[in-house]
Protein backbone atom coordinates (compact mmCIF):
# COMPACT_ATOMS: atom_id res chain seq x y z
CA MET A 1 0.00 0.00 0.00
CA SER A 2 1.60 3.25 -1.16
CA ARG A 3 -0.32 5.50 1.22
CA TYR A 4 0.94 9.09 1.12
CA GLY A 5 0.44 9.69 4.83
CA ALA A 6 0.54 13.15 6.35
CA GLN A 7 1.72 16.23 4.48
CA PHE A 8 2.47 18.07 7.72
CA GLY A 9 3.38 16.51 11.04
CA PRO A 10 3.45 12.84 12.02
CA ASP A 11 1.67 10.19 10.00
CA ILE A 12 -1.18 9.46 12.37
CA THR A 13 -4.75 8.40 11.66
CA PHE A 14 -7.87 9.93 13.16
CA LEU A 15 -7.84 8.68 16.76
CA GLY A 16 -6.15 5.45 15.70
CA VAL A 17 -8.53 4.09 13.03
CA ASP A 18 -7.15 1.77 10.37
CA ARG A 19 -5.16 3.17 7.47
CA CYS A 20 -5.99 2.95 3.79
CA ASP A 21 -4.96 4.44 0.45
CA TRP A 22 -7.71 6.29 -1.41
CA ALA A 23 -6.16 5.28 -4.75
CA GLU A 24 -6.36 1.58 -3.82
CA PRO A 25 -10.06 0.75 -3.17
CA GLU A 26 -9.18 -2.76 -2.07
CA THR A 27 -7.59 -1.25 1.07
CA TYR A 28 -10.98 0.03 2.23
CA ALA A 29 -13.41 -2.36 0.57
CA ASP A 30 -15.56 -2.65 3.72
CA ALA A 31 -15.50 1.04 4.62
CA ASP A 32 -18.55 3.00 5.67
CA VAL A 33 -16.56 6.24 5.95
CA VAL A 34 -13.13 7.23 4.63
CA ILE A 35 -11.35 10.22 6.15
CA LEU A 36 -9.19 12.36 3.87
CA GLY A 37 -6.92 15.19 4.94
CA ALA A 38 -6.88 18.32 2.79
CA PRO A 39 -4.05 20.49 4.17
CA PHE A 40 -4.62 23.43 1.83
CA ASP A 41 -4.69 27.10 2.80
CA GLY A 42 -3.74 28.71 -0.49
CA GLY A 43 -7.20 30.23 -0.78
CA THR A 44 -7.04 32.11 2.52
CA SER A 45 -7.78 35.83 2.35
CA HIS A 46 -6.72 36.79 5.89
CA ARG A 47 -4.89 34.61 8.45
CA SER A 48 -3.34 31.44 7.06
CA GLY A 49 -2.46 28.27 8.96
CA THR A 50 -5.31 25.87 8.15
CA ARG A 51 -2.86 23.60 6.32
CA PHE A 52 -2.11 22.27 9.81
CA GLY A 53 -5.80 21.63 10.53
CA PRO A 54 -5.97 17.94 9.53
CA GLN A 55 -3.12 16.99 11.85
CA PHE A 56 -4.68 18.72 14.86
CA ILE A 57 -8.22 17.50 14.19
CA ARG A 58 -6.89 13.94 14.03
CA GLN A 59 -4.87 14.09 17.24
CA THR A 60 -6.62 16.47 19.65
CA CYS A 61 -8.31 14.20 22.16
CA TYR A 62 -7.47 13.28 25.75
CA LEU A 63 -8.77 9.70 25.37
CA PRO A 64 -6.73 6.76 23.98
CA HIS A 65 -6.20 6.78 20.23
CA ASP A 66 -7.52 3.24 19.92
CA GLY A 67 -9.97 3.49 17.02
CA SER A 68 -13.02 3.36 19.30
CA ARG A 69 -15.35 6.05 20.68
CA PRO A 70 -18.66 4.87 22.20
CA SER A 71 -21.06 7.82 22.39
CA LEU A 72 -22.71 8.38 25.76
CA ALA A 73 -25.71 10.06 24.13
CA LEU A 74 -26.25 7.90 21.04
CA ARG A 75 -25.15 4.56 22.53
CA VAL A 76 -23.16 3.55 19.46
CA ASP A 77 -19.47 3.40 18.60
CA GLY A 78 -19.22 5.47 15.44
CA LEU A 79 -15.49 4.96 15.21
CA GLY A 80 -15.33 1.23 15.74
CA ALA A 81 -17.97 -1.40 16.44
CA ASP A 82 -20.91 0.25 14.66
CA LEU A 83 -19.22 1.97 11.72
CA LYS A 84 -16.13 0.99 9.76
CA VAL A 85 -13.95 4.08 9.42
CA TYR A 86 -10.60 4.32 7.61
CA ASP A 87 -8.15 7.19 7.29
CA ALA A 88 -6.51 7.61 3.88
CA GLY A 89 -4.06 10.23 5.09
CA ASP A 90 -3.63 13.57 3.39
CA VAL A 91 -4.20 14.23 -0.27
CA GLU A 92 -0.98 15.88 -1.44
CA LEU A 93 -1.96 19.49 -2.02
CA TYR A 94 0.30 22.41 -2.86
CA SER A 95 -1.04 25.67 -1.48
CA GLY A 96 0.92 27.56 -4.14
CA ASP A 97 -1.15 26.02 -6.95
CA ALA A 98 -4.84 26.29 -6.13
CA GLU A 99 -6.13 25.03 -9.48
CA ARG A 100 -4.04 21.86 -9.32
CA SER A 101 -4.95 21.28 -5.69
CA VAL A 102 -8.73 21.48 -6.19
CA ARG A 103 -8.46 19.17 -9.21
CA ASP A 104 -6.43 16.58 -7.30
CA LEU A 105 -8.72 16.72 -4.28
CA GLN A 106 -11.85 16.19 -6.37
CA GLU A 107 -10.23 13.12 -7.93
CA ALA A 108 -9.60 11.64 -4.47
CA VAL A 109 -13.10 12.43 -3.16
CA TYR A 110 -14.72 10.94 -6.25
CA ALA A 111 -12.58 7.80 -5.97
CA VAL A 112 -13.80 7.26 -2.41
CA THR A 113 -17.44 8.11 -3.12
CA ARG A 114 -17.76 5.77 -6.08
CA THR A 115 -16.94 2.79 -3.78
CA GLY A 116 -20.03 3.52 -1.68
CA ALA A 117 -18.11 4.96 1.28
CA ILE A 118 -18.86 8.42 2.68
CA PRO A 119 -15.89 10.79 2.30
CA LEU A 120 -15.15 12.91 5.37
CA ILE A 121 -12.60 15.58 4.57
CA LEU A 122 -10.54 17.46 7.14
CA GLY A 123 -9.47 20.95 6.00
CA GLY A 124 -7.76 23.13 5.17
CA ASP A 125 -9.50 26.33 4.26
CA HIS A 126 -13.01 26.43 2.78
CA THR A 127 -11.70 26.42 -0.78
CA ILE A 128 -11.85 22.65 -0.49
CA ALA A 129 -15.66 22.59 -0.30
CA TRP A 130 -15.72 23.07 -4.08
CA PRO A 131 -13.83 19.86 -4.96
CA ASP A 132 -15.31 18.00 -1.98
CA ALA A 133 -18.97 18.48 -2.93
CA ALA A 134 -18.19 18.34 -6.65
CA GLY A 135 -16.48 14.97 -6.19
CA VAL A 136 -19.55 13.60 -4.40
CA ALA A 137 -21.88 15.04 -7.06
CA GLN A 138 -19.69 13.49 -9.76
CA HIS A 139 -20.84 10.11 -8.46
CA HIS A 140 -24.41 10.84 -7.34
CA GLY A 141 -25.25 13.13 -10.26
CA GLN A 142 -25.12 16.84 -10.95
CA GLY A 143 -27.75 18.64 -8.88
CA ARG A 144 -28.75 15.47 -7.03
CA ILE A 145 -27.25 16.37 -3.65
CA SER A 146 -28.09 19.32 -1.43
CA MET A 147 -25.75 21.29 0.82
CA ILE A 148 -26.12 22.24 4.46
CA HIS A 149 -23.41 24.80 5.11
CA PHE A 150 -22.49 26.07 8.58
CA ASP A 151 -20.50 29.29 8.37
CA ALA A 152 -20.22 32.89 9.48
CA HIS A 153 -19.68 33.78 5.82
CA ALA A 154 -21.64 32.98 2.66
CA ASP A 155 -18.53 32.08 0.59
CA THR A 156 -20.35 33.11 -2.56
CA GLY A 157 -17.85 35.69 -3.81
CA ASP A 158 -16.82 35.74 -7.44
CA ILE A 159 -13.24 36.93 -7.96
CA ALA A 160 -10.79 37.68 -5.14
CA PHE A 161 -7.23 38.84 -5.67
CA GLY A 162 -7.66 38.09 -9.36
CA SER A 163 -8.58 34.44 -8.78
CA LEU A 164 -11.76 32.38 -9.13
CA VAL A 165 -10.40 29.90 -6.55
CA GLY A 166 -10.41 30.84 -2.88
CA HIS A 167 -12.08 30.24 0.45
CA GLY A 168 -14.61 33.01 -0.12
CA GLN A 169 -15.86 31.56 -3.42
CA PRO A 170 -16.46 27.78 -3.30
CA MET A 171 -20.24 27.94 -2.99
CA ARG A 172 -20.55 30.11 -6.10
CA ARG A 173 -18.30 27.73 -8.02
CA LEU A 174 -20.42 24.76 -7.00
CA ILE A 175 -23.64 26.40 -8.13
CA GLU A 176 -22.22 27.89 -11.34
CA SER A 177 -20.76 24.53 -12.34
CA GLY A 178 -24.10 22.79 -11.87
CA ALA A 179 -22.70 20.39 -9.29
CA LEU A 180 -25.20 21.71 -6.71
CA ARG A 181 -28.52 23.54 -7.07
CA GLY A 182 -28.90 26.98 -5.59
CA ASP A 183 -32.43 26.19 -4.41
CA ARG A 184 -31.13 23.23 -2.41
CA PHE A 185 -28.35 25.19 -0.73
CA LEU A 186 -28.93 25.90 2.98
CA GLN A 187 -26.61 28.17 4.97
CA ILE A 188 -26.67 28.35 8.77
CA GLY A 189 -25.06 31.00 10.98
CA LEU A 190 -24.24 33.88 8.61
CA ARG A 191 -23.51 37.23 10.25
CA GLY A 192 -21.33 40.31 10.18
CA TYR A 193 -20.60 42.67 7.29
CA TRP A 194 -19.94 40.54 4.21
CA PRO A 195 -20.99 39.85 1.48
CA GLU A 196 -21.91 43.11 -0.19
CA PRO A 197 -25.35 43.79 -1.77
CA ALA A 198 -24.36 42.65 -5.27
CA THR A 199 -23.36 39.21 -4.01
CA LEU A 200 -26.50 38.94 -1.89
CA ALA A 201 -28.53 39.72 -4.99
CA TRP A 202 -26.76 36.91 -6.87
CA MET A 203 -27.55 34.53 -4.00
CA ALA A 204 -31.21 35.51 -4.13
CA GLU A 205 -31.27 34.87 -7.88
CA GLN A 206 -30.02 31.33 -7.22
CA ARG A 207 -32.82 30.86 -4.65
CA MET A 208 -30.37 30.02 -1.88
CA ARG A 209 -31.72 29.88 1.68
CA SER A 210 -29.41 31.64 4.14
CA TYR A 211 -30.20 31.76 7.86
CA GLU A 212 -28.48 34.80 9.34
CA MET A 213 -27.94 34.81 13.11
CA THR A 214 -30.63 37.41 13.76
CA GLU A 215 -33.23 35.11 12.22
CA ILE A 216 -31.83 32.12 14.09
CA VAL A 217 -32.05 33.97 17.41
CA ALA A 218 -35.57 35.22 16.69
CA ARG A 219 -36.99 31.88 15.52
CA GLY A 220 -34.78 29.45 17.40
CA LEU A 221 -32.10 27.20 15.91
CA PRO A 222 -34.16 23.97 16.10
CA GLU A 223 -37.01 25.50 14.08
CA CYS A 224 -34.61 26.83 11.44
CA LEU A 225 -32.92 23.45 11.15
CA THR A 226 -36.22 21.61 10.76
CA GLU A 227 -37.21 23.95 7.94
CA ALA A 228 -33.80 23.54 6.29
CA PHE A 229 -34.06 19.75 6.49
CA GLY A 230 -37.31 19.81 4.55
CA ILE A 231 -35.73 21.81 1.74
CA ALA A 232 -32.52 19.76 1.71
CA THR A 233 -34.33 16.45 1.26
CA ASP A 234 -36.81 17.64 -1.38
CA ASP A 235 -35.95 16.21 -4.81
CA CYS A 236 -32.39 15.34 -3.79
CA ASP A 237 -30.75 11.97 -3.15
CA GLY A 238 -28.37 12.98 -0.37
CA VAL A 239 -26.98 15.81 1.73
CA PHE A 240 -23.45 17.19 1.87
CA LEU A 241 -22.57 18.71 5.25
CA SER A 242 -19.93 21.46 5.23
CA VAL A 243 -18.87 22.84 8.62
CA ASP A 244 -16.73 25.96 8.78
CA ILE A 245 -15.62 26.12 12.40
CA ASP A 246 -16.00 29.92 12.36
CA VAL A 247 -19.77 29.43 12.50
CA CYS A 248 -19.12 29.35 16.23
CA ASP A 249 -18.41 32.48 18.20
CA PRO A 250 -14.65 33.13 18.49
CA GLY A 251 -14.99 32.52 22.23
CA HIS A 252 -15.77 28.89 21.32
CA ALA A 253 -13.50 28.63 18.26
CA PRO A 254 -10.67 31.19 18.36
CA GLY A 255 -8.32 29.25 16.09
CA THR A 256 -9.65 30.27 12.71
CA GLY A 257 -8.64 32.63 9.92
CA THR A 258 -11.61 34.99 9.78
CA PRO A 259 -13.28 35.12 13.22
CA GLU A 260 -16.65 36.87 13.44
CA PRO A 261 -18.19 37.59 16.87
CA GLY A 262 -21.76 36.61 17.66
CA GLY A 263 -21.94 33.03 16.41
CA LEU A 264 -23.25 29.70 17.60
CA THR A 265 -22.03 28.07 20.77
CA ALA A 266 -20.06 24.84 20.65
CA ARG A 267 -23.08 23.05 22.14
CA GLU A 268 -25.39 24.37 19.44
CA LEU A 269 -23.04 23.25 16.67
CA LEU A 270 -22.57 19.75 18.09
CA ASP A 271 -26.32 19.27 18.62
CA SER A 272 -26.99 20.47 15.06
CA VAL A 273 -24.41 18.18 13.49
CA ARG A 274 -25.75 15.24 15.48
CA ARG A 275 -29.30 15.95 14.25
CA ILE A 276 -28.19 16.21 10.64
CA ALA A 277 -26.20 12.98 10.71
CA TYR A 278 -29.02 11.11 12.45
CA GLU A 279 -32.02 12.50 10.56
CA LEU A 280 -30.67 13.04 7.03
CA PRO A 281 -29.00 10.87 4.34
CA VAL A 282 -25.50 12.34 4.59
CA VAL A 283 -23.31 11.43 1.60
CA GLY A 284 -20.31 13.67 2.24
CA VAL A 285 -18.81 15.87 4.97
CA ASP A 286 -16.05 18.39 5.38
CA VAL A 287 -14.81 20.25 8.47
CA VAL A 288 -12.73 23.31 7.62
CA GLU A 289 -10.97 26.50 8.73
CA VAL A 290 -9.26 25.17 11.86
CA SER A 291 -6.07 27.24 12.09
CA PRO A 292 -3.88 25.85 14.90
CA PRO A 293 -1.40 28.79 14.93
CA TYR A 294 -4.26 31.00 16.17
CA ASP A 295 -5.78 28.47 18.57
CA HIS A 296 -5.65 28.75 22.36
CA ALA A 297 -5.27 25.60 24.45
CA ASP A 298 -6.44 23.60 21.39
CA ILE A 299 -10.01 24.83 21.97
CA THR A 300 -10.86 24.92 18.27
CA SER A 301 -9.16 21.62 17.48
CA PHE A 302 -11.06 19.90 20.29
CA LEU A 303 -14.32 21.24 18.92
CA ALA A 304 -13.54 20.16 15.35
CA ASN A 305 -12.58 16.69 16.59
CA ARG A 306 -15.95 16.43 18.32
CA VAL A 307 -17.77 17.66 15.21
CA VAL A 308 -16.26 14.67 13.40
CA LEU A 309 -17.21 12.28 16.21
CA GLU A 310 -20.80 13.58 16.45
CA THR A 311 -21.15 13.15 12.69
CA LEU A 312 -19.87 9.58 12.78
CA SER A 313 -21.99 8.71 15.82
CA GLY A 314 -25.12 10.14 14.19
CA ILE A 315 -24.54 8.16 11.00
CA ALA A 316 -23.96 4.99 13.03
CA ARG A 317 -27.14 5.51 15.08
CA ARG A 318 -29.20 6.20 11.95
CA ARG A 319 -28.01 2.94 10.38
CA LYS A 320 -28.52 0.96 13.58
CA ASP A 321 -32.08 2.20 13.97
CA ALA A 322 -32.82 1.43 10.32
CA ALA A 323 -31.50 -2.11 10.74
CA ASP A 324 -33.09 -2.82 14.14
CA GLY A 325 -36.36 -0.93 13.74
CA THR A 326 -35.52 1.20 16.79
CA THR A 327 -35.65 4.95 17.35
CA TRP A 328 -33.10 6.92 19.33
CA ASP A 329 -34.66 8.92 22.17
CA PRO A 330 -32.53 11.91 23.28
CA ARG A 331 -34.55 12.11 26.50
CA GLN A 332 -33.47 8.67 27.68
CA PRO A 333 -31.46 8.87 30.93
CA LEU A 334 -27.81 7.86 30.66
CA LEU A 335 -28.09 4.71 32.78
CA ASP A 336 -31.57 3.64 31.73
CA GLY A 337 -31.57 0.00 30.57
CA ARG A 338 -27.86 -0.55 31.21
């Protein structure tokens, strides 16, 4: 197996799961989920450093790195017994060549998706959402998957610094290319002072649905999510989940390139991700914009690690309930029935 390994730092897998090589499908023939690292920050417009994100997301946990994580809440092991997860290491990406990097990453994501496994990509800046979702759509069909996008920023810009490729533009590229439909594009947590009116007008023309924080506070996050779920599953075959860690308030996620005050709490993000993974047919995931050089006490890396675990646990619980005819009850006391 000619696995590339890690582009930065030690060659470790996510919390000790088995290794594989994305270019050799036989090394993950029984996989439910394949983790890919995308250490790219060549599309960053402000503070760089997300190239180190995959390493820190993989390693930041105080528990043993033994390839197992039973969830107290969901009562499944989404990293071991109830879901087969492999880590293919990092896709070799050169931040100095954005066009080559997005092309190579899409090839890797498509290779994983076509085997039937769910690709879970660790960023990197949000540029990678373009090849990530496009690689999934390449298998499932253009316009056949929806996007639920957690972010402080819309990422629907057109040209920045003379380039069409960057972390403020992936969602426009996805829609313009036809990979995803604008009317099945749901954004959660937007706030602040960007984008400008012209870009907002373009978003409205695409019939995107963007939940800004004022609306979320007024209506309540659960209600907004329920509405978004209905749109995301209408006339689509699957959902791609893209989590920019800066959707959380900088007090909960300081280690990111473009922090914007007034966001979700860590608890709100984890509960939301869990709901999505449990209630919706997730076919692809990325977690992006963790910038370890700006982190404090690994706060942001810990949160991103738990976003991954909540996603895996939710997928595992959804599959277990489908197989057993059971239904997970979040109100069940921890020790009930044990």
